[in-house]
N, C-alpha and C. Protein backbone atom coordinates (compact mmCIF):
# COMPACT_ATOMS: atom_id res chain seq x y z
N UNK A 1 -4.82 -16.65 -12.81
CA UNK A 1 -4.45 -18.06 -12.79
C UNK A 1 -5.56 -18.88 -13.42
N UNK A 2 -5.20 -19.76 -14.35
CA UNK A 2 -6.23 -20.52 -15.06
C UNK A 2 -6.73 -21.68 -14.23
N UNK A 3 -8.00 -22.13 -14.44
CA UNK A 3 -8.55 -23.25 -13.70
C UNK A 3 -7.80 -24.53 -13.98
N UNK A 4 -7.80 -25.47 -13.03
CA UNK A 4 -7.18 -26.78 -13.18
C UNK A 4 -8.28 -27.82 -13.28
N UNK A 5 -8.27 -28.69 -14.34
CA UNK A 5 -9.33 -29.69 -14.47
C UNK A 5 -9.29 -30.68 -13.32
N UNK A 6 -10.46 -31.04 -12.80
CA UNK A 6 -10.54 -32.05 -11.75
C UNK A 6 -10.76 -33.41 -12.37
N UNK A 7 -10.74 -34.45 -11.52
CA UNK A 7 -10.94 -35.81 -12.00
C UNK A 7 -12.32 -36.00 -12.57
N UNK A 8 -13.28 -35.21 -12.16
CA UNK A 8 -14.65 -35.35 -12.65
C UNK A 8 -14.88 -34.52 -13.90
N UNK A 9 -13.84 -33.85 -14.39
CA UNK A 9 -13.99 -33.07 -15.60
C UNK A 9 -14.37 -31.63 -15.35
N UNK A 10 -14.69 -31.26 -14.11
CA UNK A 10 -15.03 -29.88 -13.79
C UNK A 10 -13.75 -29.11 -13.49
N UNK A 11 -13.71 -27.85 -13.86
CA UNK A 11 -12.54 -27.03 -13.57
C UNK A 11 -12.60 -26.54 -12.14
N UNK A 12 -11.45 -26.50 -11.52
CA UNK A 12 -11.35 -26.04 -10.14
C UNK A 12 -10.41 -24.84 -10.11
N UNK A 13 -10.88 -23.73 -9.65
CA UNK A 13 -10.06 -22.52 -9.55
C UNK A 13 -9.31 -22.56 -8.24
N UNK A 14 -7.97 -22.78 -8.32
CA UNK A 14 -7.20 -22.95 -7.10
C UNK A 14 -7.16 -21.68 -6.28
N UNK A 15 -7.43 -20.52 -6.87
CA UNK A 15 -7.41 -19.29 -6.10
C UNK A 15 -8.59 -19.20 -5.16
N UNK A 16 -9.57 -20.13 -5.28
CA UNK A 16 -10.71 -20.12 -4.37
C UNK A 16 -10.56 -21.13 -3.24
N UNK A 17 -9.47 -21.86 -3.23
CA UNK A 17 -9.30 -22.87 -2.19
C UNK A 17 -8.75 -22.23 -0.93
N UNK A 18 -9.20 -22.74 0.21
CA UNK A 18 -8.75 -22.20 1.49
C UNK A 18 -7.24 -22.34 1.67
N UNK A 19 -6.62 -23.50 1.39
CA UNK A 19 -5.17 -23.60 1.59
C UNK A 19 -4.40 -22.58 0.75
N UNK A 20 -4.81 -22.39 -0.50
CA UNK A 20 -4.11 -21.44 -1.36
C UNK A 20 -4.20 -20.04 -0.79
N UNK A 21 -5.39 -19.64 -0.35
CA UNK A 21 -5.58 -18.29 0.18
C UNK A 21 -4.73 -18.07 1.43
N UNK A 22 -4.72 -19.05 2.33
CA UNK A 22 -3.95 -18.93 3.57
C UNK A 22 -2.46 -18.86 3.28
N UNK A 23 -1.98 -19.73 2.37
CA UNK A 23 -0.56 -19.73 2.04
C UNK A 23 -0.14 -18.40 1.41
N UNK A 24 -1.01 -17.85 0.55
CA UNK A 24 -0.70 -16.57 -0.08
C UNK A 24 -0.58 -15.47 0.96
N UNK A 25 -1.53 -15.42 1.91
CA UNK A 25 -1.49 -14.39 2.94
C UNK A 25 -0.28 -14.54 3.84
N UNK A 26 0.03 -15.78 4.23
CA UNK A 26 1.19 -16.01 5.10
C UNK A 26 2.48 -15.63 4.39
N UNK A 27 2.59 -16.02 3.11
CA UNK A 27 3.80 -15.70 2.34
C UNK A 27 3.99 -14.19 2.21
N UNK A 28 2.88 -13.49 2.03
CA UNK A 28 2.97 -12.04 1.87
C UNK A 28 3.32 -11.36 3.18
N UNK A 29 2.83 -11.90 4.29
CA UNK A 29 3.02 -11.25 5.59
C UNK A 29 4.36 -11.56 6.24
N UNK A 30 4.97 -12.70 5.91
CA UNK A 30 6.19 -13.12 6.59
C UNK A 30 7.31 -12.08 6.48
N UNK A 31 7.64 -11.60 5.27
CA UNK A 31 8.70 -10.57 5.21
C UNK A 31 8.29 -9.26 5.86
N UNK A 32 7.00 -8.95 5.82
CA UNK A 32 6.52 -7.70 6.43
C UNK A 32 6.73 -7.72 7.93
N UNK A 33 6.32 -8.82 8.56
CA UNK A 33 6.44 -8.92 10.01
C UNK A 33 7.90 -9.00 10.43
N UNK A 34 8.70 -9.72 9.64
CA UNK A 34 10.11 -9.84 9.98
C UNK A 34 10.80 -8.49 9.89
N UNK A 35 10.51 -7.73 8.82
CA UNK A 35 11.14 -6.44 8.64
C UNK A 35 10.65 -5.42 9.65
N UNK A 36 9.43 -5.64 10.16
CA UNK A 36 8.84 -4.66 11.05
C UNK A 36 9.00 -4.95 12.52
N UNK A 37 9.93 -5.87 12.86
CA UNK A 37 10.09 -6.23 14.26
C UNK A 37 10.50 -5.05 15.13
N UNK A 38 11.26 -4.09 14.54
CA UNK A 38 11.70 -2.95 15.31
C UNK A 38 10.71 -1.80 15.25
N UNK A 39 9.65 -1.94 14.43
CA UNK A 39 8.66 -0.87 14.27
C UNK A 39 7.56 -1.05 15.30
N UNK A 40 6.78 0.02 15.47
CA UNK A 40 5.65 -0.06 16.38
C UNK A 40 4.59 -0.99 15.80
N UNK A 41 3.83 -1.59 16.70
CA UNK A 41 2.72 -2.45 16.30
C UNK A 41 1.43 -1.83 16.80
N UNK A 42 0.42 -1.86 15.96
CA UNK A 42 -0.88 -1.33 16.35
C UNK A 42 -1.94 -2.41 16.20
N UNK A 43 -2.92 -2.37 17.09
CA UNK A 43 -4.10 -3.25 16.98
C UNK A 43 -5.30 -2.37 16.73
N UNK A 44 -6.11 -2.75 15.75
CA UNK A 44 -7.30 -1.99 15.40
C UNK A 44 -8.55 -2.85 15.54
N UNK A 45 -9.55 -2.29 16.20
CA UNK A 45 -10.85 -2.95 16.37
C UNK A 45 -11.89 -2.09 15.66
N UNK A 46 -12.67 -2.71 14.77
CA UNK A 46 -13.61 -1.95 13.94
C UNK A 46 -15.03 -2.46 14.14
N UNK A 47 -15.98 -1.55 14.08
CA UNK A 47 -17.39 -1.90 14.15
C UNK A 47 -18.21 -0.93 13.32
N UNK A 48 -19.25 -1.44 12.67
CA UNK A 48 -20.08 -0.57 11.83
C UNK A 48 -21.11 -1.37 11.07
N UNK A 49 -21.32 -1.00 9.82
CA UNK A 49 -22.36 -1.62 9.00
C UNK A 49 -21.80 -1.97 7.64
N UNK A 50 -22.26 -3.10 7.09
CA UNK A 50 -21.94 -3.52 5.72
C UNK A 50 -23.22 -3.40 4.89
N UNK A 51 -23.11 -2.76 3.74
CA UNK A 51 -24.28 -2.46 2.92
C UNK A 51 -24.08 -3.03 1.52
N UNK A 52 -24.87 -4.03 1.12
CA UNK A 52 -24.72 -4.57 -0.24
C UNK A 52 -25.06 -3.51 -1.28
N UNK A 53 -24.28 -3.46 -2.36
CA UNK A 53 -24.53 -2.49 -3.41
C UNK A 53 -25.53 -3.00 -4.44
N UNK A 54 -26.03 -4.21 -4.23
CA UNK A 54 -27.02 -4.81 -5.12
C UNK A 54 -27.29 -6.22 -4.67
N UNK A 55 -28.04 -6.95 -5.46
CA UNK A 55 -28.30 -8.36 -5.16
C UNK A 55 -27.01 -9.15 -5.15
N UNK A 56 -26.95 -10.18 -4.31
CA UNK A 56 -25.81 -11.09 -4.33
C UNK A 56 -25.98 -12.17 -5.38
N UNK A 57 -27.14 -12.21 -6.03
CA UNK A 57 -27.44 -13.26 -6.99
C UNK A 57 -26.54 -13.15 -8.21
N UNK A 58 -26.16 -14.30 -8.76
CA UNK A 58 -25.34 -14.35 -9.97
C UNK A 58 -25.87 -15.45 -10.87
N UNK A 59 -26.91 -15.13 -11.64
CA UNK A 59 -27.47 -16.10 -12.57
C UNK A 59 -28.64 -16.89 -12.03
N UNK A 60 -28.86 -16.90 -10.72
CA UNK A 60 -30.00 -17.58 -10.12
C UNK A 60 -30.63 -16.62 -9.11
N UNK A 61 -31.72 -17.07 -8.47
CA UNK A 61 -32.40 -16.22 -7.50
C UNK A 61 -31.71 -16.22 -6.14
N UNK A 62 -30.79 -17.17 -5.92
CA UNK A 62 -30.09 -17.22 -4.63
C UNK A 62 -29.28 -15.96 -4.43
N UNK A 63 -29.51 -15.26 -3.33
CA UNK A 63 -28.83 -14.02 -3.06
C UNK A 63 -29.70 -12.80 -3.25
N UNK A 64 -30.96 -13.00 -3.66
CA UNK A 64 -31.89 -11.88 -3.77
C UNK A 64 -32.36 -11.46 -2.38
N UNK A 65 -32.77 -10.21 -2.26
CA UNK A 65 -33.36 -9.72 -1.01
C UNK A 65 -32.39 -9.50 0.12
N UNK A 66 -31.09 -9.40 -0.16
CA UNK A 66 -30.11 -9.21 0.90
C UNK A 66 -30.18 -7.78 1.42
N UNK A 67 -29.98 -7.62 2.73
CA UNK A 67 -30.06 -6.30 3.36
C UNK A 67 -28.80 -6.03 4.18
N UNK A 68 -28.62 -4.78 4.58
CA UNK A 68 -27.44 -4.38 5.36
C UNK A 68 -27.41 -5.07 6.71
N UNK A 69 -26.22 -5.20 7.27
CA UNK A 69 -26.06 -5.83 8.58
C UNK A 69 -24.79 -5.37 9.26
N UNK A 70 -24.56 -5.83 10.48
CA UNK A 70 -23.38 -5.40 11.24
C UNK A 70 -22.08 -5.90 10.64
N UNK A 71 -21.03 -5.12 10.84
CA UNK A 71 -19.70 -5.43 10.33
C UNK A 71 -18.69 -5.26 11.46
N UNK A 72 -17.86 -6.29 11.68
CA UNK A 72 -16.86 -6.26 12.76
C UNK A 72 -15.51 -6.67 12.19
N UNK A 73 -14.44 -6.21 12.83
CA UNK A 73 -13.12 -6.59 12.38
C UNK A 73 -12.05 -6.33 13.41
N UNK A 74 -10.95 -7.09 13.31
CA UNK A 74 -9.77 -6.90 14.14
C UNK A 74 -8.55 -7.02 13.22
N UNK A 75 -7.61 -6.07 13.35
CA UNK A 75 -6.43 -6.07 12.49
C UNK A 75 -5.17 -5.79 13.29
N UNK A 76 -4.05 -6.34 12.80
CA UNK A 76 -2.72 -6.00 13.30
C UNK A 76 -2.02 -5.19 12.23
N UNK A 77 -1.49 -4.04 12.61
CA UNK A 77 -0.91 -3.10 11.64
C UNK A 77 0.55 -2.82 12.00
N UNK A 78 1.42 -2.90 10.98
CA UNK A 78 2.84 -2.62 11.15
C UNK A 78 3.20 -1.42 10.29
N UNK A 79 3.57 -0.28 10.87
CA UNK A 79 4.00 0.87 10.07
C UNK A 79 5.30 0.56 9.34
N UNK A 80 5.39 0.96 8.08
CA UNK A 80 6.61 0.78 7.30
C UNK A 80 7.36 2.10 7.12
N UNK A 81 6.65 3.21 7.31
CA UNK A 81 7.25 4.54 7.24
C UNK A 81 6.24 5.51 7.83
N UNK A 82 6.52 6.80 7.76
CA UNK A 82 5.55 7.78 8.25
C UNK A 82 4.26 7.73 7.45
N UNK A 83 4.35 7.33 6.19
CA UNK A 83 3.18 7.37 5.32
C UNK A 83 2.51 6.01 5.10
N UNK A 84 3.29 4.95 5.17
CA UNK A 84 2.80 3.63 4.73
C UNK A 84 2.73 2.65 5.89
N UNK A 85 1.64 1.88 5.92
CA UNK A 85 1.48 0.81 6.91
C UNK A 85 0.88 -0.41 6.24
N UNK A 86 1.24 -1.57 6.73
CA UNK A 86 0.70 -2.84 6.24
C UNK A 86 -0.09 -3.51 7.35
N UNK A 87 -1.19 -4.15 6.99
CA UNK A 87 -2.03 -4.77 8.01
C UNK A 87 -2.58 -6.12 7.59
N UNK A 88 -2.80 -6.97 8.56
CA UNK A 88 -3.44 -8.27 8.38
C UNK A 88 -4.56 -8.37 9.39
N UNK A 89 -5.76 -8.71 8.94
CA UNK A 89 -6.88 -8.74 9.86
C UNK A 89 -7.93 -9.78 9.54
N UNK A 90 -8.93 -9.83 10.41
CA UNK A 90 -10.08 -10.73 10.28
C UNK A 90 -11.33 -9.87 10.28
N UNK A 91 -12.28 -10.18 9.41
CA UNK A 91 -13.53 -9.44 9.35
C UNK A 91 -14.72 -10.39 9.28
N UNK A 92 -15.87 -9.89 9.75
CA UNK A 92 -17.13 -10.62 9.60
C UNK A 92 -18.24 -9.62 9.32
N UNK A 93 -19.04 -9.93 8.31
CA UNK A 93 -20.21 -9.12 7.95
C UNK A 93 -21.43 -10.04 7.98
N UNK A 94 -22.52 -9.56 8.58
CA UNK A 94 -23.73 -10.37 8.72
C UNK A 94 -24.87 -9.67 7.98
N UNK A 95 -25.12 -10.13 6.74
CA UNK A 95 -26.17 -9.53 5.92
C UNK A 95 -27.52 -10.15 6.25
N UNK A 96 -28.53 -9.30 6.36
CA UNK A 96 -29.89 -9.79 6.53
C UNK A 96 -30.43 -10.32 5.21
N UNK A 97 -31.58 -10.97 5.26
CA UNK A 97 -32.16 -11.56 4.06
C UNK A 97 -33.67 -11.48 4.14
N UNK A 98 -34.30 -10.86 3.14
CA UNK A 98 -35.76 -10.73 3.11
C UNK A 98 -36.38 -11.51 1.97
N UNK A 99 -35.58 -12.31 1.25
CA UNK A 99 -36.11 -13.11 0.14
C UNK A 99 -37.09 -14.15 0.67
N UNK A 100 -38.03 -14.56 -0.18
CA UNK A 100 -39.06 -15.51 0.24
C UNK A 100 -38.47 -16.81 0.76
N UNK A 101 -37.34 -17.22 0.22
CA UNK A 101 -36.73 -18.48 0.65
C UNK A 101 -35.74 -18.31 1.78
N UNK A 102 -35.63 -17.11 2.31
CA UNK A 102 -34.64 -16.84 3.35
C UNK A 102 -35.13 -15.72 4.24
N UNK A 103 -36.13 -16.01 5.02
CA UNK A 103 -36.74 -14.97 5.84
C UNK A 103 -35.92 -14.63 7.06
N UNK A 104 -36.15 -13.44 7.58
CA UNK A 104 -35.50 -12.98 8.80
C UNK A 104 -35.80 -13.97 9.94
N UNK A 105 -34.86 -14.37 10.79
CA UNK A 105 -33.54 -13.79 10.99
C UNK A 105 -32.41 -14.50 10.25
N UNK A 106 -32.74 -15.29 9.22
CA UNK A 106 -31.68 -15.95 8.47
C UNK A 106 -30.76 -14.91 7.83
N UNK A 107 -29.48 -15.25 7.74
CA UNK A 107 -28.51 -14.27 7.24
C UNK A 107 -27.45 -14.94 6.39
N UNK A 108 -26.79 -14.11 5.59
CA UNK A 108 -25.55 -14.51 4.94
C UNK A 108 -24.41 -13.98 5.82
N UNK A 109 -23.63 -14.87 6.39
CA UNK A 109 -22.53 -14.47 7.28
C UNK A 109 -21.23 -14.62 6.51
N UNK A 110 -20.58 -13.50 6.23
CA UNK A 110 -19.36 -13.48 5.44
C UNK A 110 -18.17 -13.29 6.36
N UNK A 111 -17.25 -14.23 6.37
CA UNK A 111 -16.04 -14.12 7.18
C UNK A 111 -14.81 -14.25 6.30
N UNK A 112 -13.72 -13.64 6.72
CA UNK A 112 -12.51 -13.75 5.93
C UNK A 112 -11.34 -12.99 6.52
N UNK A 113 -10.20 -13.09 5.81
CA UNK A 113 -8.98 -12.37 6.16
C UNK A 113 -8.79 -11.22 5.18
N UNK A 114 -8.07 -10.22 5.62
CA UNK A 114 -7.73 -9.13 4.72
C UNK A 114 -6.28 -8.72 4.91
N UNK A 115 -5.60 -8.50 3.80
CA UNK A 115 -4.20 -8.08 3.79
C UNK A 115 -4.13 -6.80 2.98
N UNK A 116 -3.70 -5.69 3.61
CA UNK A 116 -3.81 -4.42 2.92
C UNK A 116 -2.67 -3.45 3.16
N UNK A 117 -2.63 -2.45 2.31
CA UNK A 117 -1.67 -1.37 2.37
C UNK A 117 -2.43 -0.07 2.61
N UNK A 118 -1.97 0.74 3.57
CA UNK A 118 -2.61 2.01 3.86
C UNK A 118 -1.60 3.14 3.71
N UNK A 119 -2.02 4.20 3.02
CA UNK A 119 -1.13 5.34 2.77
C UNK A 119 -1.71 6.58 3.43
N UNK A 120 -0.91 7.19 4.29
CA UNK A 120 -1.29 8.43 4.97
C UNK A 120 -1.00 9.61 4.05
N UNK A 121 -1.95 10.53 3.94
CA UNK A 121 -1.79 11.67 3.05
C UNK A 121 -1.18 12.89 3.74
N UNK A 122 -1.43 13.06 5.04
CA UNK A 122 -0.86 14.18 5.80
C UNK A 122 -0.28 13.63 7.11
N UNK A 123 0.81 12.87 7.05
CA UNK A 123 1.36 12.25 8.26
C UNK A 123 1.76 13.27 9.31
N UNK A 124 1.48 12.92 10.57
CA UNK A 124 1.85 13.77 11.67
C UNK A 124 0.83 14.80 12.06
N UNK A 125 -0.23 14.95 11.28
CA UNK A 125 -1.27 15.93 11.60
C UNK A 125 -2.28 15.34 12.58
N UNK A 126 -3.03 16.20 13.25
CA UNK A 126 -4.03 15.74 14.21
C UNK A 126 -5.19 15.04 13.52
N UNK A 127 -5.48 15.43 12.28
CA UNK A 127 -6.51 14.77 11.47
C UNK A 127 -5.87 14.44 10.13
N UNK A 128 -5.62 13.15 9.93
CA UNK A 128 -4.84 12.68 8.79
C UNK A 128 -5.70 11.85 7.84
N UNK A 129 -6.01 12.32 6.64
CA UNK A 129 -6.75 11.48 5.68
C UNK A 129 -5.85 10.38 5.14
N UNK A 130 -6.45 9.24 4.81
CA UNK A 130 -5.68 8.11 4.30
C UNK A 130 -6.48 7.33 3.25
N UNK A 131 -5.77 6.55 2.46
CA UNK A 131 -6.34 5.66 1.45
C UNK A 131 -5.79 4.26 1.67
N UNK A 132 -6.55 3.23 1.29
CA UNK A 132 -6.08 1.86 1.47
C UNK A 132 -6.56 0.97 0.32
N UNK A 133 -5.85 -0.14 0.14
CA UNK A 133 -6.24 -1.14 -0.85
C UNK A 133 -5.62 -2.47 -0.44
N UNK A 134 -6.25 -3.58 -0.85
CA UNK A 134 -5.69 -4.86 -0.47
C UNK A 134 -6.47 -6.04 -1.00
N UNK A 135 -6.07 -7.22 -0.53
CA UNK A 135 -6.71 -8.49 -0.88
C UNK A 135 -7.56 -8.98 0.28
N UNK A 136 -8.62 -9.72 -0.04
CA UNK A 136 -9.44 -10.34 0.99
C UNK A 136 -9.72 -11.78 0.63
N UNK A 137 -10.07 -12.58 1.63
CA UNK A 137 -10.72 -13.87 1.39
C UNK A 137 -12.13 -13.76 1.94
N UNK A 138 -13.05 -14.52 1.36
CA UNK A 138 -14.44 -14.47 1.80
C UNK A 138 -15.07 -15.86 1.75
N UNK A 139 -15.66 -16.25 2.87
CA UNK A 139 -16.42 -17.50 2.98
C UNK A 139 -17.79 -17.16 3.54
N UNK A 140 -18.84 -17.72 2.93
CA UNK A 140 -20.20 -17.37 3.31
C UNK A 140 -20.89 -18.57 3.97
N UNK A 141 -21.45 -18.34 5.16
CA UNK A 141 -22.29 -19.32 5.82
C UNK A 141 -23.74 -18.90 5.62
N UNK A 142 -24.56 -19.83 5.14
CA UNK A 142 -25.96 -19.52 4.86
C UNK A 142 -26.86 -20.66 5.31
N UNK A 143 -26.89 -20.94 6.62
CA UNK A 143 -27.68 -22.08 7.12
C UNK A 143 -29.17 -21.92 6.90
N UNK A 144 -29.66 -20.70 6.70
CA UNK A 144 -31.10 -20.50 6.53
C UNK A 144 -31.61 -20.81 5.15
N UNK A 145 -30.70 -20.95 4.17
CA UNK A 145 -31.15 -21.24 2.81
C UNK A 145 -31.61 -22.68 2.70
N UNK A 146 -32.63 -22.96 1.89
CA UNK A 146 -33.07 -24.34 1.69
C UNK A 146 -32.00 -25.14 0.96
N UNK A 147 -32.01 -26.47 1.15
CA UNK A 147 -31.06 -27.34 0.46
C UNK A 147 -31.25 -27.17 -1.06
N UNK A 148 -30.18 -27.30 -1.83
CA UNK A 148 -28.82 -27.67 -1.42
C UNK A 148 -27.90 -26.48 -1.17
N UNK A 149 -28.43 -25.26 -1.16
CA UNK A 149 -27.56 -24.08 -1.03
C UNK A 149 -27.15 -23.78 0.40
N UNK A 150 -27.93 -24.24 1.39
CA UNK A 150 -27.59 -23.96 2.77
C UNK A 150 -26.28 -24.59 3.17
N UNK A 151 -25.54 -23.92 4.02
CA UNK A 151 -24.28 -24.47 4.48
C UNK A 151 -23.16 -23.47 4.35
N UNK A 152 -21.99 -23.94 3.96
CA UNK A 152 -20.80 -23.10 3.89
C UNK A 152 -20.29 -23.08 2.46
N UNK A 153 -19.97 -21.90 1.97
CA UNK A 153 -19.48 -21.75 0.61
C UNK A 153 -18.00 -22.10 0.51
N UNK A 154 -17.48 -22.05 -0.71
CA UNK A 154 -16.04 -22.10 -0.90
C UNK A 154 -15.42 -20.81 -0.38
N UNK A 155 -14.10 -20.80 -0.24
CA UNK A 155 -13.40 -19.58 0.13
C UNK A 155 -12.87 -18.92 -1.13
N UNK A 156 -13.32 -17.70 -1.39
CA UNK A 156 -12.93 -16.98 -2.60
C UNK A 156 -12.00 -15.83 -2.25
N UNK A 157 -11.16 -15.49 -3.19
CA UNK A 157 -10.31 -14.31 -3.03
C UNK A 157 -10.94 -13.13 -3.74
N UNK A 158 -10.72 -11.94 -3.20
CA UNK A 158 -11.26 -10.73 -3.80
C UNK A 158 -10.40 -9.54 -3.43
N UNK A 159 -10.97 -8.36 -3.55
CA UNK A 159 -10.21 -7.15 -3.26
C UNK A 159 -11.05 -6.14 -2.51
N UNK A 160 -10.39 -5.14 -1.98
CA UNK A 160 -11.07 -4.07 -1.28
C UNK A 160 -10.29 -2.77 -1.41
N UNK A 161 -10.99 -1.66 -1.27
CA UNK A 161 -10.37 -0.33 -1.25
C UNK A 161 -11.11 0.50 -0.23
N UNK A 162 -10.42 1.46 0.39
CA UNK A 162 -11.05 2.25 1.43
C UNK A 162 -10.43 3.62 1.57
N UNK A 163 -11.09 4.45 2.39
CA UNK A 163 -10.60 5.79 2.69
C UNK A 163 -11.14 6.20 4.05
N UNK A 164 -10.47 7.13 4.68
CA UNK A 164 -10.94 7.57 5.99
C UNK A 164 -10.05 8.65 6.57
N UNK A 165 -10.24 8.87 7.87
CA UNK A 165 -9.46 9.85 8.61
C UNK A 165 -8.83 9.18 9.82
N UNK A 166 -7.64 9.62 10.19
CA UNK A 166 -7.02 9.21 11.45
C UNK A 166 -7.04 10.42 12.37
N UNK A 167 -7.77 10.31 13.48
CA UNK A 167 -7.94 11.42 14.41
C UNK A 167 -7.25 11.06 15.73
N UNK A 168 -6.26 11.83 16.09
CA UNK A 168 -5.51 11.55 17.32
C UNK A 168 -6.43 11.75 18.52
N UNK A 169 -6.53 10.70 19.36
CA UNK A 169 -7.39 10.77 20.54
C UNK A 169 -6.61 10.57 21.83
N UNK A 170 -5.32 10.40 21.74
CA UNK A 170 -4.48 10.18 22.91
C UNK A 170 -3.08 9.85 22.47
N UNK A 171 -2.18 9.67 23.43
CA UNK A 171 -0.78 9.41 23.10
C UNK A 171 -0.61 8.15 22.25
N UNK A 172 -1.42 7.14 22.51
CA UNK A 172 -1.29 5.87 21.78
C UNK A 172 -2.60 5.42 21.15
N UNK A 173 -3.56 6.32 21.06
CA UNK A 173 -4.88 5.95 20.55
C UNK A 173 -5.31 6.90 19.44
N UNK A 174 -5.87 6.34 18.38
CA UNK A 174 -6.46 7.13 17.31
C UNK A 174 -7.82 6.57 16.95
N UNK A 175 -8.71 7.44 16.51
CA UNK A 175 -10.00 7.04 15.97
C UNK A 175 -9.92 7.15 14.45
N UNK A 176 -10.42 6.12 13.77
CA UNK A 176 -10.33 6.08 12.31
C UNK A 176 -11.70 5.80 11.69
N UNK A 177 -12.54 6.82 11.51
CA UNK A 177 -13.77 6.60 10.75
C UNK A 177 -13.38 6.23 9.32
N UNK A 178 -14.04 5.20 8.78
CA UNK A 178 -13.61 4.66 7.49
C UNK A 178 -14.79 4.19 6.66
N UNK A 179 -14.65 4.31 5.36
CA UNK A 179 -15.60 3.73 4.41
C UNK A 179 -14.80 2.85 3.45
N UNK A 180 -15.43 1.82 2.91
CA UNK A 180 -14.73 0.93 2.00
C UNK A 180 -15.68 0.22 1.06
N UNK A 181 -15.10 -0.41 0.06
CA UNK A 181 -15.84 -1.22 -0.89
C UNK A 181 -15.05 -2.49 -1.13
N UNK A 182 -15.76 -3.63 -1.19
CA UNK A 182 -15.09 -4.92 -1.36
C UNK A 182 -15.88 -5.81 -2.30
N UNK A 183 -15.18 -6.80 -2.85
CA UNK A 183 -15.84 -7.75 -3.76
C UNK A 183 -15.17 -9.12 -3.66
N UNK A 184 -15.96 -10.16 -3.88
CA UNK A 184 -15.49 -11.55 -3.97
C UNK A 184 -16.64 -12.38 -4.53
N UNK A 185 -16.34 -13.59 -5.00
CA UNK A 185 -17.37 -14.42 -5.62
C UNK A 185 -17.26 -15.87 -5.17
N UNK A 186 -17.65 -16.18 -3.92
CA UNK A 186 -17.60 -17.56 -3.43
C UNK A 186 -18.73 -18.41 -4.02
N UNK A 187 -18.49 -19.73 -4.10
CA UNK A 187 -19.48 -20.67 -4.61
C UNK A 187 -20.23 -21.34 -3.46
N UNK A 188 -21.55 -21.42 -3.58
CA UNK A 188 -22.37 -22.14 -2.61
C UNK A 188 -22.24 -23.64 -2.84
N UNK A 189 -22.72 -24.48 -1.89
CA UNK A 189 -22.54 -25.92 -2.01
C UNK A 189 -23.07 -26.54 -3.31
N UNK A 190 -24.14 -25.97 -3.91
CA UNK A 190 -24.68 -26.55 -5.14
C UNK A 190 -24.05 -25.95 -6.39
N UNK A 191 -23.08 -25.08 -6.22
CA UNK A 191 -22.39 -24.50 -7.36
C UNK A 191 -22.81 -23.09 -7.72
N UNK A 192 -23.92 -22.60 -7.15
CA UNK A 192 -24.31 -21.21 -7.39
C UNK A 192 -23.22 -20.27 -6.85
N UNK A 193 -23.00 -19.19 -7.54
CA UNK A 193 -21.99 -18.20 -7.14
C UNK A 193 -22.67 -16.97 -6.56
N UNK A 194 -22.20 -16.53 -5.40
CA UNK A 194 -22.68 -15.29 -4.81
C UNK A 194 -21.79 -14.14 -5.27
N UNK A 195 -22.38 -13.11 -5.81
CA UNK A 195 -21.62 -11.93 -6.26
C UNK A 195 -21.55 -10.93 -5.12
N UNK A 196 -20.59 -11.12 -4.22
CA UNK A 196 -20.44 -10.22 -3.09
C UNK A 196 -19.89 -8.88 -3.56
N UNK A 197 -20.68 -7.84 -3.39
CA UNK A 197 -20.28 -6.47 -3.69
C UNK A 197 -20.90 -5.61 -2.60
N UNK A 198 -20.09 -5.00 -1.76
CA UNK A 198 -20.68 -4.29 -0.63
C UNK A 198 -19.81 -3.14 -0.17
N UNK A 199 -20.48 -2.15 0.45
CA UNK A 199 -19.82 -1.02 1.08
C UNK A 199 -19.75 -1.26 2.58
N UNK A 200 -18.77 -0.68 3.23
CA UNK A 200 -18.71 -0.71 4.69
C UNK A 200 -18.52 0.71 5.21
N UNK A 201 -19.14 1.00 6.34
CA UNK A 201 -18.95 2.25 7.06
C UNK A 201 -18.69 1.88 8.52
N UNK A 202 -17.47 2.12 8.98
CA UNK A 202 -17.09 1.63 10.30
C UNK A 202 -16.27 2.68 11.06
N UNK A 203 -16.32 2.55 12.38
CA UNK A 203 -15.43 3.32 13.24
C UNK A 203 -14.36 2.37 13.75
N UNK A 204 -13.11 2.75 13.54
CA UNK A 204 -11.97 1.92 13.93
C UNK A 204 -11.26 2.59 15.10
N UNK A 205 -11.00 1.81 16.16
CA UNK A 205 -10.20 2.30 17.28
C UNK A 205 -8.82 1.66 17.17
N UNK A 206 -7.81 2.49 17.06
CA UNK A 206 -6.43 2.01 16.91
C UNK A 206 -5.65 2.26 18.20
N UNK A 207 -4.98 1.21 18.68
CA UNK A 207 -4.13 1.31 19.87
C UNK A 207 -2.72 0.92 19.46
N UNK A 208 -1.76 1.82 19.66
CA UNK A 208 -0.38 1.60 19.28
C UNK A 208 0.47 1.14 20.48
N UNK A 209 1.40 0.25 20.22
CA UNK A 209 2.28 -0.29 21.27
C UNK A 209 3.73 0.09 21.01
């Protein structure tokens, strides 16, 4: 989607606006949830670590010195078949910062929604490998950064991909060790762009209803 000129002459990418991102996710999920009313519903709680694959800086020094931090998430999953499931969730990653202008315990706190598709490779087995892909939104809070970058970024859209195992742990419970990679490029208050590129390694507990 091409940028739209603003009244001040600057281009505004509507795909980075919060209303656009929310409307897109809701529009995508509405038919899924409606069609899946008769299907089982699962709730997944995830915890682990998010590891940046490089500096978050994009053209400036802002985003240098970022370090790994905790990663948390909650998702609602609707199975569409034995192999395919769709999910909508919320995630938060808290990256540490060792840059001179952002000393510990200041952090980049990344929050957002994720809408994804997961494909089971060996459905019905006690240990089932799976692959996933989807869209994410990402907003960064960076109160520890000096002005004018400190504060809350724009909300950017991005993507993610993942893989893992589903291990049956009970009649309605599965453990899902998972790894993933995600990207997005939100803008800080002064216009600097953070190049979010990170890996996640998490343990997911799935409870089916």
